[in-house]
Amino acid sequence: MFYFDAHSQRSNNNSWIFKFEKNIDLPFTQVEIDMIINAYGSEKLQRITSEKVLEKFYKNILRNRVNIRKKKYYPDENIPKLSSKGPKLNQNKINLEKFNPLLYDFPFFSKNSHYYRVDQTDFLVIINPQELE
């Protein structure tokens, strides 16, 4: 006599299903394409656009997960400097619309938010975690 019994556990929070905003359904803008090419090259852009998962991942970073906010700078604060993660921005010519987060070594896979001071300015770069479904 044989007995076979199978049980499965179902979780409401599948760690592989991510929540995306509707704006990632729109095609890449020319500015986003230029950011990807500038950071990784045109071959990587072709790979990203040919794989929907990668395309969603990068659109989500560029459109939803990186924010720049103003918060008064204090010399004694304990916020990491943006220049510790990549190229230093010219503080006299900061163009926040053209800021390319792909040029920096940000923790895009972290489960926590991360804050970086644009050196001695009143600007903070905030990296938000990927939200789960």
N, C-alpha and C. Protein backbone atom coordinates (compact mmCIF):
# COMPACT_ATOMS: atom_id res chain seq x y z
N MET A 1 0.84 -1.15 0.00
CA MET A 1 0.00 0.00 0.00
C MET A 1 0.90 1.24 0.00
N PHE A 2 0.57 2.17 -0.85
CA PHE A 2 1.31 3.43 -0.95
C PHE A 2 0.41 4.58 -0.58
N TYR A 3 1.00 5.55 0.07
CA TYR A 3 0.25 6.74 0.46
C TYR A 3 1.04 7.97 0.01
N PHE A 4 0.42 8.84 -0.75
CA PHE A 4 1.08 10.05 -1.21
C PHE A 4 0.24 11.24 -0.78
N ASP A 5 0.87 12.17 -0.08
CA ASP A 5 0.16 13.34 0.41
C ASP A 5 1.04 14.56 0.12
N ALA A 6 0.52 15.51 -0.59
CA ALA A 6 1.30 16.72 -0.93
C ALA A 6 0.60 17.93 -0.35
N HIS A 7 1.38 18.77 0.26
CA HIS A 7 0.87 20.02 0.83
C HIS A 7 1.66 21.17 0.24
N SER A 8 1.00 22.26 0.11
CA SER A 8 1.74 23.43 -0.37
C SER A 8 1.37 24.61 0.49
N GLN A 9 2.34 25.46 0.69
CA GLN A 9 2.08 26.68 1.43
C GLN A 9 1.98 27.81 0.43
N ARG A 10 1.02 28.64 0.63
CA ARG A 10 0.84 29.77 -0.26
C ARG A 10 1.06 31.05 0.52
N SER A 11 1.90 31.87 -0.01
CA SER A 11 2.21 33.13 0.65
C SER A 11 1.58 34.27 -0.12
N ASN A 12 1.03 35.24 0.58
CA ASN A 12 0.47 36.41 -0.08
C ASN A 12 1.55 37.36 -0.55
N ASN A 13 2.78 37.16 -0.11
CA ASN A 13 3.87 38.04 -0.47
C ASN A 13 4.97 37.25 -1.16
N ASN A 14 4.81 37.04 -2.45
CA ASN A 14 5.80 36.32 -3.22
C ASN A 14 7.01 37.22 -3.43
N SER A 15 8.18 36.82 -2.99
CA SER A 15 9.35 37.68 -3.02
C SER A 15 9.87 37.96 -4.43
N TRP A 16 9.30 37.33 -5.43
CA TRP A 16 9.76 37.56 -6.80
C TRP A 16 8.79 38.40 -7.62
N ILE A 17 7.68 38.81 -7.04
CA ILE A 17 6.71 39.62 -7.78
C ILE A 17 6.82 41.06 -7.30
N PHE A 18 7.21 41.94 -8.21
CA PHE A 18 7.42 43.33 -7.86
C PHE A 18 6.24 44.18 -8.28
N LYS A 19 6.05 45.26 -7.55
CA LYS A 19 5.00 46.21 -7.85
C LYS A 19 5.60 47.30 -8.74
N PHE A 20 4.94 47.60 -9.84
CA PHE A 20 5.39 48.65 -10.75
C PHE A 20 4.29 49.66 -10.96
N GLU A 21 4.69 50.90 -11.11
CA GLU A 21 3.75 51.96 -11.46
C GLU A 21 3.37 51.80 -12.93
N LYS A 22 2.26 52.38 -13.29
CA LYS A 22 1.78 52.27 -14.69
C LYS A 22 2.70 52.99 -15.67
N ASN A 23 3.49 53.96 -15.18
CA ASN A 23 4.35 54.71 -16.10
C ASN A 23 5.45 53.87 -16.74
N ILE A 24 5.70 52.67 -16.25
CA ILE A 24 6.73 51.85 -16.90
C ILE A 24 6.22 51.17 -18.17
N ASP A 25 4.91 51.27 -18.42
CA ASP A 25 4.36 50.72 -19.66
C ASP A 25 4.65 51.61 -20.86
N LEU A 26 5.02 52.86 -20.61
CA LEU A 26 5.35 53.79 -21.68
C LEU A 26 6.75 53.50 -22.19
N PRO A 27 7.02 53.78 -23.47
CA PRO A 27 8.37 53.52 -24.00
C PRO A 27 9.43 54.41 -23.35
N PHE A 28 10.69 54.00 -23.49
CA PHE A 28 11.79 54.83 -23.00
C PHE A 28 11.73 56.18 -23.69
N THR A 29 12.04 57.23 -22.94
CA THR A 29 12.19 58.56 -23.55
C THR A 29 13.60 58.66 -24.11
N GLN A 30 13.84 59.66 -24.94
CA GLN A 30 15.18 59.84 -25.49
C GLN A 30 16.19 60.17 -24.38
N VAL A 31 15.76 60.92 -23.37
CA VAL A 31 16.64 61.23 -22.24
C VAL A 31 17.04 59.95 -21.52
N GLU A 32 16.10 59.04 -21.29
CA GLU A 32 16.40 57.76 -20.62
C GLU A 32 17.34 56.90 -21.47
N ILE A 33 17.09 56.87 -22.76
CA ILE A 33 17.97 56.11 -23.67
C ILE A 33 19.39 56.67 -23.59
N ASP A 34 19.51 57.99 -23.61
CA ASP A 34 20.82 58.62 -23.53
C ASP A 34 21.51 58.29 -22.20
N MET A 35 20.74 58.23 -21.11
CA MET A 35 21.31 57.89 -19.80
C MET A 35 21.87 56.47 -19.80
N ILE A 36 21.13 55.54 -20.36
CA ILE A 36 21.58 54.15 -20.41
C ILE A 36 22.83 54.03 -21.27
N ILE A 37 22.82 54.67 -22.45
CA ILE A 37 23.99 54.61 -23.33
C ILE A 37 25.20 55.25 -22.65
N ASN A 38 24.99 56.37 -22.00
CA ASN A 38 26.08 57.07 -21.31
C ASN A 38 26.68 56.20 -20.19
N ALA A 39 25.83 55.47 -19.48
CA ALA A 39 26.30 54.64 -18.37
C ALA A 39 26.86 53.30 -18.81
N TYR A 40 26.23 52.66 -19.80
CA TYR A 40 26.57 51.27 -20.13
C TYR A 40 26.95 51.01 -21.59
N GLY A 41 26.58 51.90 -22.50
CA GLY A 41 26.87 51.69 -23.92
C GLY A 41 25.64 51.22 -24.69
N SER A 42 25.73 51.29 -26.00
CA SER A 42 24.58 50.97 -26.86
C SER A 42 24.27 49.47 -26.90
N GLU A 43 25.29 48.61 -26.72
CA GLU A 43 25.03 47.16 -26.71
C GLU A 43 24.16 46.78 -25.51
N LYS A 44 24.46 47.36 -24.35
CA LYS A 44 23.66 47.09 -23.15
C LYS A 44 22.23 47.62 -23.33
N LEU A 45 22.09 48.77 -23.99
CA LEU A 45 20.75 49.30 -24.27
C LEU A 45 19.95 48.30 -25.11
N GLN A 46 20.57 47.71 -26.12
CA GLN A 46 19.88 46.71 -26.95
C GLN A 46 19.46 45.50 -26.12
N ARG A 47 20.32 45.08 -25.21
CA ARG A 47 19.98 43.94 -24.34
C ARG A 47 18.81 44.30 -23.43
N ILE A 48 18.85 45.50 -22.85
CA ILE A 48 17.79 45.94 -21.96
C ILE A 48 16.45 46.02 -22.69
N THR A 49 16.45 46.58 -23.88
CA THR A 49 15.19 46.74 -24.62
C THR A 49 14.69 45.42 -25.21
N SER A 50 15.55 44.42 -25.29
CA SER A 50 15.10 43.13 -25.84
C SER A 50 14.56 42.19 -24.75
N GLU A 51 14.81 42.51 -23.49
CA GLU A 51 14.32 41.69 -22.39
C GLU A 51 13.38 42.53 -21.53
N LYS A 52 12.11 42.20 -21.54
CA LYS A 52 11.09 43.00 -20.86
C LYS A 52 11.35 43.17 -19.36
N VAL A 53 11.90 42.16 -18.72
CA VAL A 53 12.18 42.27 -17.29
C VAL A 53 13.23 43.35 -17.04
N LEU A 54 14.30 43.34 -17.82
CA LEU A 54 15.32 44.38 -17.68
C LEU A 54 14.78 45.75 -18.02
N GLU A 55 13.96 45.82 -19.04
CA GLU A 55 13.37 47.09 -19.44
C GLU A 55 12.54 47.68 -18.29
N LYS A 56 11.71 46.85 -17.67
CA LYS A 56 10.91 47.31 -16.53
C LYS A 56 11.80 47.75 -15.36
N PHE A 57 12.84 46.97 -15.09
CA PHE A 57 13.76 47.28 -14.00
C PHE A 57 14.38 48.67 -14.18
N TYR A 58 14.90 48.96 -15.38
CA TYR A 58 15.55 50.24 -15.61
C TYR A 58 14.56 51.40 -15.70
N LYS A 59 13.42 51.16 -16.30
CA LYS A 59 12.40 52.21 -16.32
C LYS A 59 11.97 52.57 -14.91
N ASN A 60 11.82 51.56 -14.07
CA ASN A 60 11.40 51.79 -12.69
C ASN A 60 12.45 52.60 -11.92
N ILE A 61 13.71 52.30 -12.12
CA ILE A 61 14.77 53.09 -11.48
C ILE A 61 14.70 54.54 -11.95
N LEU A 62 14.70 54.73 -13.25
CA LEU A 62 14.77 56.08 -13.80
C LEU A 62 13.51 56.90 -13.54
N ARG A 63 12.36 56.24 -13.44
CA ARG A 63 11.10 56.98 -13.31
C ARG A 63 10.53 57.05 -11.90
N ASN A 64 10.84 56.06 -11.07
CA ASN A 64 10.13 55.96 -9.79
C ASN A 64 11.00 55.83 -8.55
N ARG A 65 12.18 55.30 -8.68
CA ARG A 65 12.92 54.93 -7.47
C ARG A 65 14.01 55.90 -7.06
N VAL A 66 14.35 56.84 -7.91
CA VAL A 66 15.37 57.83 -7.57
C VAL A 66 14.69 59.20 -7.49
N ASN A 67 14.80 59.82 -6.33
CA ASN A 67 14.22 61.14 -6.13
C ASN A 67 15.29 62.10 -5.65
N ILE A 68 15.12 63.34 -6.02
CA ILE A 68 16.02 64.38 -5.55
C ILE A 68 15.18 65.40 -4.79
N ARG A 69 15.57 65.64 -3.57
CA ARG A 69 14.82 66.54 -2.69
C ARG A 69 15.78 67.59 -2.12
N LYS A 70 15.19 68.67 -1.70
CA LYS A 70 15.96 69.72 -1.04
C LYS A 70 15.83 69.58 0.46
N LYS A 71 16.97 69.59 1.14
CA LYS A 71 17.01 69.55 2.60
C LYS A 71 18.26 70.28 3.03
N LYS A 72 18.11 71.22 3.91
CA LYS A 72 19.22 72.07 4.32
C LYS A 72 20.44 71.24 4.72
N TYR A 73 21.58 71.68 4.23
CA TYR A 73 22.85 71.02 4.53
C TYR A 73 23.39 71.53 5.87
N TYR A 74 23.84 70.59 6.70
CA TYR A 74 24.51 70.92 7.95
C TYR A 74 25.88 70.24 7.93
N PRO A 75 26.95 70.99 8.16
CA PRO A 75 28.30 70.42 8.08
C PRO A 75 28.54 69.20 8.97
N ASP A 76 27.84 69.09 10.08
CA ASP A 76 28.09 67.97 10.99
C ASP A 76 27.13 66.79 10.79
N GLU A 77 26.35 66.80 9.72
CA GLU A 77 25.39 65.70 9.49
C GLU A 77 26.12 64.41 9.10
N ASN A 78 25.42 63.31 9.25
CA ASN A 78 26.01 62.01 8.98
C ASN A 78 25.32 61.36 7.77
N ILE A 79 25.29 62.06 6.66
CA ILE A 79 24.70 61.54 5.42
C ILE A 79 25.84 61.33 4.43
N PRO A 80 25.93 60.13 3.82
CA PRO A 80 27.01 59.88 2.87
C PRO A 80 26.95 60.87 1.70
N LYS A 81 28.11 61.20 1.18
CA LYS A 81 28.22 62.12 0.05
C LYS A 81 28.00 61.36 -1.26
N LEU A 82 27.33 62.00 -2.19
CA LEU A 82 27.09 61.41 -3.50
C LEU A 82 28.41 61.07 -4.19
N SER A 83 29.41 61.90 -4.01
CA SER A 83 30.70 61.67 -4.66
C SER A 83 31.36 60.37 -4.19
N SER A 84 30.91 59.80 -3.06
CA SER A 84 31.45 58.52 -2.61
C SER A 84 30.90 57.35 -3.43
N LYS A 85 29.89 57.61 -4.25
CA LYS A 85 29.25 56.56 -5.04
C LYS A 85 29.53 56.67 -6.53
N GLY A 86 30.19 57.73 -6.95
CA GLY A 86 30.44 57.90 -8.38
C GLY A 86 30.98 59.27 -8.70
N PRO A 87 30.80 59.73 -9.94
CA PRO A 87 31.40 61.00 -10.35
C PRO A 87 30.89 62.18 -9.54
N LYS A 88 31.77 63.11 -9.31
CA LYS A 88 31.41 64.30 -8.54
C LYS A 88 30.70 65.28 -9.47
N LEU A 89 29.60 65.84 -8.99
CA LEU A 89 28.86 66.84 -9.75
C LEU A 89 29.48 68.21 -9.52
N ASN A 90 29.47 69.03 -10.55
CA ASN A 90 29.90 70.41 -10.40
C ASN A 90 28.80 71.13 -9.63
N GLN A 91 29.08 71.54 -8.41
CA GLN A 91 28.07 72.12 -7.54
C GLN A 91 27.51 73.42 -8.09
N ASN A 92 28.22 74.09 -8.98
CA ASN A 92 27.73 75.34 -9.57
C ASN A 92 26.85 75.10 -10.78
N LYS A 93 26.86 73.87 -11.31
CA LYS A 93 26.09 73.55 -12.52
C LYS A 93 25.26 72.29 -12.34
N ILE A 94 24.61 72.13 -11.22
CA ILE A 94 23.80 70.95 -10.97
C ILE A 94 22.52 71.04 -11.80
N ASN A 95 22.31 70.05 -12.67
CA ASN A 95 21.10 69.97 -13.48
C ASN A 95 20.36 68.71 -13.05
N LEU A 96 19.39 68.88 -12.18
CA LEU A 96 18.73 67.72 -11.58
C LEU A 96 17.85 66.97 -12.58
N GLU A 97 17.41 67.63 -13.65
CA GLU A 97 16.62 66.92 -14.66
C GLU A 97 17.48 65.95 -15.46
N LYS A 98 18.76 66.24 -15.56
CA LYS A 98 19.65 65.39 -16.34
C LYS A 98 20.53 64.50 -15.46
N PHE A 99 20.25 64.46 -14.17
CA PHE A 99 21.02 63.61 -13.26
C PHE A 99 20.86 62.15 -13.68
N ASN A 100 21.98 61.47 -13.87
CA ASN A 100 21.96 60.08 -14.32
C ASN A 100 22.33 59.15 -13.17
N PRO A 101 21.33 58.53 -12.52
CA PRO A 101 21.62 57.65 -11.39
C PRO A 101 22.36 56.38 -11.79
N LEU A 102 22.36 56.05 -13.08
CA LEU A 102 23.02 54.83 -13.54
C LEU A 102 24.54 54.96 -13.52
N LEU A 103 25.04 56.18 -13.37
CA LEU A 103 26.49 56.39 -13.30
C LEU A 103 27.05 56.15 -11.90
N TYR A 104 26.17 55.88 -10.96
CA TYR A 104 26.58 55.76 -9.55
C TYR A 104 26.37 54.33 -9.06
N ASP A 105 27.13 53.98 -8.07
CA ASP A 105 27.07 52.64 -7.48
C ASP A 105 26.03 52.63 -6.36
N PHE A 106 24.77 52.82 -6.73
CA PHE A 106 23.69 52.85 -5.76
C PHE A 106 23.21 51.44 -5.43
N PRO A 107 22.72 51.22 -4.23
CA PRO A 107 22.21 49.89 -3.83
C PRO A 107 20.77 49.67 -4.32
N PHE A 108 20.62 49.46 -5.62
CA PHE A 108 19.29 49.31 -6.20
C PHE A 108 18.58 48.04 -5.74
N PHE A 109 19.30 47.08 -5.18
CA PHE A 109 18.67 45.84 -4.73
C PHE A 109 18.42 45.82 -3.22
N SER A 110 18.66 46.91 -2.56
CA SER A 110 18.46 47.00 -1.12
C SER A 110 16.97 47.03 -0.78
N LYS A 111 16.64 46.56 0.40
CA LYS A 111 15.25 46.59 0.87
C LYS A 111 14.95 47.87 1.65
N ASN A 112 15.95 48.76 1.76
CA ASN A 112 15.80 50.00 2.52
C ASN A 112 16.04 51.20 1.62
N SER A 113 15.53 52.35 2.04
CA SER A 113 15.84 53.60 1.35
C SER A 113 17.25 54.05 1.72
N HIS A 114 17.91 54.72 0.79
CA HIS A 114 19.25 55.24 1.01
C HIS A 114 19.28 56.71 0.60
N TYR A 115 20.03 57.50 1.37
CA TYR A 115 20.11 58.94 1.15
C TYR A 115 21.55 59.33 0.91
N TYR A 116 21.77 60.24 -0.06
CA TYR A 116 23.11 60.73 -0.36
C TYR A 116 23.04 62.24 -0.55
N ARG A 117 23.94 62.93 0.12
CA ARG A 117 24.03 64.38 0.00
C ARG A 117 24.83 64.73 -1.25
N VAL A 118 24.32 65.64 -2.06
CA VAL A 118 25.10 66.13 -3.20
C VAL A 118 26.14 67.09 -2.61
N ASP A 119 27.19 66.49 -2.11
CA ASP A 119 28.29 67.13 -1.40
C ASP A 119 27.82 68.25 -0.48
N GLN A 120 28.30 69.47 -0.60
CA GLN A 120 27.92 70.52 0.36
C GLN A 120 26.74 71.37 -0.15
N THR A 121 25.76 70.75 -0.76
CA THR A 121 24.58 71.47 -1.25
C THR A 121 23.37 71.11 -0.40
N ASP A 122 22.25 71.71 -0.71
CA ASP A 122 21.00 71.40 -0.02
C ASP A 122 20.23 70.28 -0.71
N PHE A 123 20.86 69.55 -1.62
CA PHE A 123 20.18 68.49 -2.36
C PHE A 123 20.52 67.11 -1.81
N LEU A 124 19.48 66.28 -1.72
CA LEU A 124 19.63 64.88 -1.34
C LEU A 124 19.16 64.00 -2.50
N VAL A 125 19.89 62.94 -2.77
CA VAL A 125 19.44 61.91 -3.71
C VAL A 125 18.92 60.77 -2.86
N ILE A 126 17.69 60.38 -3.12
CA ILE A 126 17.04 59.31 -2.35
C ILE A 126 16.82 58.12 -3.27
N ILE A 127 17.30 56.96 -2.84
CA ILE A 127 17.10 55.72 -3.58
C ILE A 127 16.06 54.91 -2.80
N ASN A 128 14.90 54.74 -3.40
CA ASN A 128 13.83 53.99 -2.75
C ASN A 128 13.92 52.51 -3.10
N PRO A 129 13.54 51.63 -2.19
CA PRO A 129 13.60 50.19 -2.47
C PRO A 129 12.55 49.77 -3.47
N GLN A 130 12.79 48.64 -4.11
CA GLN A 130 11.80 48.06 -5.01
C GLN A 130 10.66 47.52 -4.18
N GLU A 131 9.44 47.91 -4.50
CA GLU A 131 8.28 47.46 -3.73
C GLU A 131 7.80 46.11 -4.24
N LEU A 132 7.39 45.28 -3.30
CA LEU A 132 6.83 43.97 -3.65
C LEU A 132 5.33 44.08 -3.83
N GLU A 133 4.78 43.22 -4.65
CA GLU A 133 3.36 43.16 -4.93
C GLU A 133 2.59 42.78 -3.68
